[in-house]
Amino acid sequence: MYVVELSFDDNPDRLAHRPAHREKLREQREQGVVVMAGPWGDDTGALLIVDIDDAEELERLLEDDPYYRAPGVTIVSKRQWAPVIR
């Protein structure tokens, strides 16, 4: 699994990308790729947990969604995660 942390700034342009991004997340959830995703309570960023095998697959997933490159969105970290309890 991998965990991706996002940070948002005040640029409103990212909001134009959000509906398509959320639809893509729903599709990825149905495919078993996205485990959980959502914004922080104060909307300063978000967390994405994905069930994928390697960093190359993570990069493809992030490249496939323009939201991750939208103005106002910064990828803060991408970390492999090994949960003990599922």
Protein backbone atom coordinates (compact mmCIF):
# COMPACT_ATOMS: atom_id res chain seq x y z
CA MET A 1 0.00 0.00 0.00
CA TYR A 2 0.95 3.63 -0.44
CA VAL A 3 -0.14 6.80 1.34
CA VAL A 4 -0.17 10.11 -0.51
CA GLU A 5 -0.51 13.39 1.37
CA LEU A 6 -1.68 16.51 -0.46
CA SER A 7 -1.56 20.15 0.53
CA PHE A 8 -3.95 22.80 -0.80
CA ASP A 9 -3.36 26.53 -1.05
CA ASP A 10 -5.93 29.26 -1.60
CA ASN A 11 -5.91 28.98 -5.41
CA PRO A 12 -9.57 28.39 -6.39
CA ASP A 13 -8.59 26.81 -9.76
CA ARG A 14 -8.21 23.38 -8.14
CA LEU A 15 -11.96 23.30 -7.46
CA ALA A 16 -12.68 23.10 -11.19
CA HIS A 17 -10.81 19.77 -11.27
CA ARG A 18 -12.45 18.32 -8.17
CA PRO A 19 -15.66 16.78 -9.62
CA ALA A 20 -13.75 14.73 -12.21
CA HIS A 21 -11.17 13.80 -9.56
CA ARG A 22 -13.82 12.52 -7.17
CA GLU A 23 -15.45 10.47 -9.94
CA LYS A 24 -12.06 8.94 -10.74
CA LEU A 25 -11.59 8.12 -7.04
CA ARG A 26 -14.99 6.37 -6.99
CA GLU A 27 -14.00 4.27 -10.01
CA GLN A 28 -10.65 3.41 -8.45
CA ARG A 29 -12.44 2.44 -5.23
CA GLU A 30 -14.73 0.09 -7.17
CA GLN A 31 -11.62 -1.46 -8.77
CA GLY A 32 -10.11 -2.05 -5.33
CA VAL A 33 -7.25 0.41 -5.86
CA VAL A 34 -8.33 3.27 -3.59
CA VAL A 35 -8.83 2.18 0.01
CA MET A 36 -9.65 5.60 1.47
CA ALA A 37 -9.40 9.20 0.33
CA GLY A 38 -10.54 12.55 1.60
CA PRO A 39 -9.67 16.06 2.68
CA TRP A 40 -8.50 17.16 6.09
CA GLY A 41 -11.29 18.69 8.16
CA ASP A 42 -9.94 22.19 7.58
CA ASP A 43 -9.55 21.60 3.80
CA THR A 44 -5.81 22.42 3.85
CA GLY A 45 -4.99 19.12 2.16
CA ALA A 46 -6.00 15.49 1.82
CA LEU A 47 -4.89 11.91 2.33
CA LEU A 48 -5.10 9.08 -0.18
CA ILE A 49 -4.50 5.41 0.70
CA VAL A 50 -4.08 3.07 -2.27
CA ASP A 51 -3.61 -0.68 -2.48
CA ILE A 52 -1.00 -1.04 -5.21
CA ASP A 53 2.19 -3.05 -5.59
CA ASP A 54 4.97 -0.60 -6.40
CA ALA A 55 6.06 3.01 -6.83
CA GLU A 56 5.78 2.85 -10.62
CA GLU A 57 2.12 1.91 -10.35
CA LEU A 58 1.61 4.80 -7.92
CA GLU A 59 3.19 7.23 -10.39
CA ARG A 60 0.87 5.99 -13.17
CA LEU A 61 -2.15 6.47 -10.90
CA LEU A 62 -1.11 10.04 -10.06
CA GLU A 63 -0.30 10.87 -13.70
CA ASP A 64 -3.73 9.62 -14.80
CA ASP A 65 -5.57 12.26 -12.74
CA PRO A 66 -4.99 15.95 -13.64
CA TYR A 67 -6.14 16.98 -10.15
CA TYR A 68 -2.74 16.09 -8.73
CA ARG A 69 -1.15 18.69 -11.06
CA ALA A 70 -3.88 21.32 -10.67
CA PRO A 71 -2.99 24.82 -9.46
CA GLY A 72 -3.33 24.88 -5.70
CA VAL A 73 -2.56 21.17 -5.20
CA THR A 74 0.86 20.00 -4.00
CA ILE A 75 1.89 16.41 -3.35
CA VAL A 76 3.62 16.66 0.02
CA SER A 77 4.63 13.02 0.38
CA LYS A 78 4.29 9.58 -1.17
CA ARG A 79 5.16 6.78 1.21
CA GLN A 80 4.93 3.04 1.14
CA TRP A 81 2.84 1.80 4.03
CA ALA A 82 2.66 -1.65 5.60
CA PRO A 83 -0.49 -1.78 7.75
CA VAL A 84 -0.48 -4.37 10.50
CA ILE A 85 -4.26 -4.40 10.93
CA ARG A 86 -6.67 -4.25 8.00
